[in-house]
C-alpha cells in the first residue's frame, strides 16, 4: 500500500529528471562504425605520437570489430604522425599572470591501400580545451591539465574514427578507379 501511495510522488520526479537530462542535450555517444570493407587495417603511429593516443585509436577500432594487423599483412594502413601539443595563455590577469590556458593537440592522418592508393589524403586533426588557472592551487591545476590532455587524446581518437567511417566498399572502389584513371592519364594511356 505504501508503494502505491508514493507512486504519485515518484512518477513526476522521474519524469522531471528524464526531461531535464534530455533537455540539456545529454545523449549516449559512440564512434560511428567503421566499415568492414576497411579490413584488415594496420594502425601505424610514428614515434612522436603518444602511446595513449595510438592505444585509444586501436582500442576503438577493436571495439568496432575491425581486424587490426601489422602493416605487412594489412590491406589498408592508417598512418598517424606529426603530433603537436601546444599550451598557451589565453587570458591574463591584471598582474600579468596567466588566468586561463588553452591546450591544443594536433595530429596528421592518412589512409592508404596496400598498393599506396590514398583513401584519405594527409589531413590535420586537432582538439583543444581551455581551463582556468589559479596560481594559489598549482598542484590541482597540474592534475587538471593532465586529465584534460587525456581527454584530448580520446577526442582526437574519436575524430580519427569519424574520418574512417565513410570508407565503405563503394567509396573505396570509386577512389581506386579514380587513382587508376589518374595513373593512366599521367602515363599517357587512353
Protein backbone atom coordinates (compact mmCIF):
# COMPACT_ATOMS: atom_id res chain seq x y z
CA UNK A 1 0.00 0.00 0.00
CA UNK A 2 2.87 2.40 0.78
CA UNK A 3 4.29 1.79 -2.69
CA UNK A 4 1.04 2.82 -4.35
CA UNK A 5 0.79 5.87 -2.12
CA UNK A 6 4.31 7.03 -3.04
CA UNK A 7 3.86 6.40 -6.79
CA UNK A 8 2.25 9.81 -7.47
CA UNK A 9 5.31 11.46 -5.87
CA UNK A 10 7.95 9.30 -7.61
CA UNK A 11 6.45 9.39 -11.09
CA UNK A 12 6.61 13.19 -11.53
CA UNK A 13 10.16 13.25 -10.12
CA UNK A 14 11.26 10.58 -12.62
CA UNK A 15 9.54 12.39 -15.46
CA UNK A 16 11.15 15.68 -14.45
CA UNK A 17 14.59 14.04 -14.31
CA UNK A 18 14.20 12.49 -17.76
CA UNK A 19 13.07 15.82 -19.21
CA UNK A 20 15.99 17.59 -17.56
CA UNK A 21 18.53 15.10 -18.91
CA UNK A 22 17.09 15.16 -22.43
CA UNK A 23 16.70 18.94 -22.37
CA UNK A 24 20.36 19.56 -21.61
CA UNK A 25 21.44 17.71 -24.73
CA UNK A 26 22.60 14.55 -23.00
CA UNK A 27 22.82 11.55 -25.26
CA UNK A 28 24.86 8.40 -25.35
CA UNK A 29 27.75 8.94 -27.73
CA UNK A 30 29.86 6.47 -29.54
CA UNK A 31 32.05 6.43 -32.56
CA UNK A 32 30.32 5.54 -35.79
CA UNK A 33 31.01 2.07 -37.06
CA UNK A 34 33.97 1.67 -39.36
CA UNK A 35 33.09 -0.36 -42.43
CA UNK A 36 34.24 -3.95 -42.58
CA UNK A 37 35.48 -3.09 -46.10
CA UNK A 38 38.45 -1.41 -44.39
CA UNK A 39 39.87 -4.71 -43.17
CA UNK A 40 42.43 -5.87 -42.39
CA UNK A 41 43.70 -2.50 -41.19
CA UNK A 42 47.06 -1.52 -39.78
CA UNK A 43 47.50 1.46 -37.47
CA UNK A 44 50.97 2.93 -37.90
CA UNK A 45 51.82 5.58 -35.31
CA UNK A 46 55.07 7.47 -35.75
CA UNK A 47 57.41 7.84 -32.79
CA UNK A 48 56.17 11.31 -31.90
CA UNK A 49 52.56 10.14 -31.37
CA UNK A 50 51.83 9.47 -27.68
CA UNK A 51 51.05 5.85 -26.87
CA UNK A 52 47.81 6.95 -25.16
CA UNK A 53 46.51 8.36 -28.45
CA UNK A 54 47.64 5.41 -30.56
CA UNK A 55 46.24 2.98 -28.00
CA UNK A 56 42.91 4.80 -27.88
CA UNK A 57 42.54 4.59 -31.69
CA UNK A 58 43.38 0.88 -31.68
CA UNK A 59 41.01 0.21 -28.79
CA UNK A 60 38.10 1.98 -30.52
CA UNK A 61 38.78 0.08 -33.75
CA UNK A 62 38.94 -3.24 -31.88
CA UNK A 63 35.67 -2.46 -30.11
CA UNK A 64 34.20 -1.88 -33.57
CA UNK A 65 35.33 -5.38 -34.62
CA UNK A 66 37.95 -4.12 -37.07
CA UNK A 67 40.66 -6.70 -37.78
CA UNK A 68 43.94 -4.98 -36.86
CA UNK A 69 47.09 -6.42 -38.43
CA UNK A 70 50.73 -5.39 -38.86
CA UNK A 71 51.38 -3.18 -41.90
CA UNK A 72 52.86 -6.00 -43.98
CA UNK A 73 49.69 -8.11 -43.59
CA UNK A 74 47.10 -5.32 -43.92
CA UNK A 75 45.16 -4.25 -47.00
CA UNK A 76 44.85 -0.71 -45.59
CA UNK A 77 47.14 1.40 -43.43
CA UNK A 78 46.11 4.27 -41.17
CA UNK A 79 49.18 6.48 -40.69
CA UNK A 80 49.14 8.75 -37.63
CA UNK A 81 52.06 11.18 -37.44
CA UNK A 82 53.36 14.65 -36.67
CA UNK A 83 51.79 15.01 -33.22
CA UNK A 84 51.94 18.54 -31.87
CA UNK A 85 50.96 19.83 -28.46
CA UNK A 86 50.51 23.48 -27.63
CA UNK A 87 49.83 25.23 -24.34
CA UNK A 88 49.34 28.97 -24.39
CA UNK A 89 47.91 31.60 -22.11
CA UNK A 90 44.52 32.70 -23.41
CA UNK A 91 43.68 35.21 -20.66
CA UNK A 92 45.90 37.37 -18.46
CA UNK A 93 45.22 38.82 -15.00
CA UNK A 94 45.85 42.45 -14.06
CA UNK A 95 49.17 41.30 -12.58
CA UNK A 96 50.23 39.94 -15.99
CA UNK A 97 49.84 36.31 -14.87
CA UNK A 98 48.02 33.66 -16.85
CA UNK A 99 44.38 33.35 -15.82
CA UNK A 100 43.45 30.77 -18.50
CA UNK A 101 45.35 28.36 -20.65
CA UNK A 102 44.33 26.75 -23.91
CA UNK A 103 45.61 23.26 -24.62
CA UNK A 104 45.67 22.10 -28.24
CA UNK A 105 46.72 18.77 -29.71
CA UNK A 106 47.14 18.29 -33.45
CA UNK A 107 47.96 15.16 -35.45
CA UNK A 108 48.20 14.25 -39.13
CA UNK A 109 46.44 11.20 -40.53
CA UNK A 110 46.21 9.47 -43.88
CA UNK A 111 44.82 6.14 -45.06
CA UNK A 112 46.49 4.23 -47.89
CA UNK A 113 45.74 0.92 -49.55
CA UNK A 114 48.49 -1.67 -49.60
CA UNK A 115 49.32 -0.50 -53.17
CA UNK A 116 49.59 3.15 -51.99
CA UNK A 117 46.22 4.45 -53.25
CA UNK A 118 45.21 7.30 -50.90
CA UNK A 119 41.77 6.81 -49.37
CA UNK A 120 42.18 9.75 -47.02
CA UNK A 121 44.74 12.34 -48.12
CA UNK A 122 47.04 13.75 -45.42
CA UNK A 123 44.77 15.64 -43.05
CA UNK A 124 45.35 17.65 -39.86
CA UNK A 125 43.01 16.93 -36.96
CA UNK A 126 43.04 18.93 -33.76
CA UNK A 127 41.31 19.19 -30.44
CA UNK A 128 41.53 21.94 -27.85
CA UNK A 129 40.32 22.83 -24.39
CA UNK A 130 40.59 25.94 -22.24
CA UNK A 131 40.81 25.89 -18.46
CA UNK A 132 41.12 28.49 -15.71
CA UNK A 133 44.45 28.69 -13.95
CA UNK A 134 44.84 29.52 -10.26
CA UNK A 135 48.35 30.38 -9.04
CA UNK A 136 47.36 29.52 -5.47
CA UNK A 137 46.46 25.94 -6.40
CA UNK A 138 49.23 24.89 -8.81
CA UNK A 139 49.24 21.16 -7.96
CA UNK A 140 45.49 20.77 -8.53
CA UNK A 141 45.74 22.70 -11.80
CA UNK A 142 48.59 20.44 -12.96
CA UNK A 143 46.36 17.43 -12.31
CA UNK A 144 43.50 19.13 -14.15
CA UNK A 145 45.78 19.79 -17.13
CA UNK A 146 46.92 16.15 -17.21
CA UNK A 147 43.29 14.99 -17.16
CA UNK A 148 42.45 17.41 -19.99
CA UNK A 149 45.38 16.09 -22.05
CA UNK A 150 43.93 12.57 -21.67
CA UNK A 151 40.51 13.83 -22.78
CA UNK A 152 42.10 15.48 -25.81
CA UNK A 153 43.73 12.14 -26.78
CA UNK A 154 40.31 10.48 -26.66
CA UNK A 155 38.72 13.28 -28.70
CA UNK A 156 41.42 13.01 -31.36
CA UNK A 157 40.92 9.24 -31.47
CA UNK A 158 37.18 9.78 -31.99
CA UNK A 159 37.87 12.26 -34.79
CA UNK A 160 40.09 9.68 -36.49
CA UNK A 161 37.32 7.07 -36.25
CA UNK A 162 34.80 9.58 -37.67
CA UNK A 163 37.11 10.11 -40.66
CA UNK A 164 37.28 6.35 -41.29
CA UNK A 165 33.51 5.77 -41.03
CA UNK A 166 32.57 6.89 -44.60
CA UNK A 167 35.05 4.47 -46.20
CA UNK A 168 32.67 1.74 -47.32
CA UNK A 169 33.24 -0.71 -50.21
CA UNK A 170 31.64 1.60 -52.84
CA UNK A 171 33.73 4.60 -51.84
CA UNK A 172 36.95 2.56 -51.71
CA UNK A 173 36.25 1.13 -55.19
CA UNK A 174 35.49 4.62 -56.53
CA UNK A 175 38.73 6.03 -55.09
CA UNK A 176 40.71 3.13 -56.58
CA UNK A 177 39.16 3.76 -60.03
CA UNK A 178 39.98 7.48 -59.81
CA UNK A 179 43.57 6.65 -58.87
CA UNK A 180 43.86 4.24 -61.83
CA UNK A 181 42.47 6.86 -64.21
CA UNK A 182 44.94 9.42 -62.91
CA UNK A 183 47.83 6.97 -63.33
CA UNK A 184 46.68 6.15 -66.88
CA UNK A 185 46.44 9.87 -67.77
CA UNK A 186 49.87 10.56 -66.28
CA UNK A 187 51.41 7.69 -68.25
CA UNK A 188 49.69 8.79 -71.49
CA UNK A 189 47.39 5.78 -71.84
CA UNK A 190 43.80 6.34 -73.04
